[in-house]
């Protein structure tokens, strides 16, 4: 879709926001100025709010939605895409045009996902995206990580490369494609429940110049991106690059990236876990996650040890101070019995 086409369709749908919601989100209901439903896949519930009135564009525009459970937000074109299980944005545009030609007084029942498709944002869609990607060796992803001084790339099967991953601007506009790092989010049993996308420049030098270069999909709560399988010891942090940087100095320690401070605080513990290292981010959200995770771990008899960076985060330590300084800083923070077991020589 051209930018003008997408914007015009979004504006027209916004003028009919309540009719759109009745049609595609039939399991919801109107509550004041909002349509309330479980999610954009039309599940029953009350966590997603679609604004029914407001300007055509900008803050507070009619048709904009927020899912309080996941933090996801978008517009009515996104709702059409997700409720219908569409992948190609050409199909989204055709569906929107078809809807706009329907009489307003008799909206059709909410359409069911097409056979063979998975609702966008669902765990199944996350699994399909990961399956479509390729190993990171000799790709833009490996280039990007090495430019961040991350060279310990063993046991990174949870990371893959997608050469042309769709990016949908949150404020509307044409769909873009960028290279992306795709990370599998898995549960304690190794079952994939979600995926995390990091869009990159084609040369891997930086993240793509988009508003939100990182986005997650699927079921994340309690799970994470895993590097190695944890038994009695695990290190957990927020971001993938932060965790991989700490892993450069502790190459034999199983680690997990929870993808956000809130999700870090809620990770599930393996039944065999006895010691948890918390790879701390130096900010208020990181402090809150640390405190909550320490309390949860200790309440079930797991020793909690906080690993603190010297600078802003562990990747900054790695890039600016070097691997030897990072290794020395970690050596004095890990338990003595874990030095020989997990620390690089």
Foldseek 3Di string as FASTA:
>chain_A
DAQVLWLVLLLLCLQVVVLLCCAAQVLWDDDVQWTAAQDLLNHHDGQKTAGNDDPSFDPSGHQWMARNVFRDIAGSLLSQCQNQLHDDSVVSSVVSVVQSPDDSVDHDHHDHHDPPGHGPQAQVNQVVVLVQFAACPPALQCVLLVLLVQDLCPQQPQKTKDAWDWDAARRIGDIGTAIWIKGFKAALVRHGFKIKIAGPHRNSNGTDPGPDRIDIGGDQAQIFRKRDHDAAEEEEEADPSLFSLLCLFFVQHIYTHSNFLVRLLGHDDDPRYAEYEYQAAPDPSSVVSLVSNCVVQVVVNHHYFYQYDPPRGSSCCCVPVHNVVSNVSVLVRDDVVCCVVGGDD
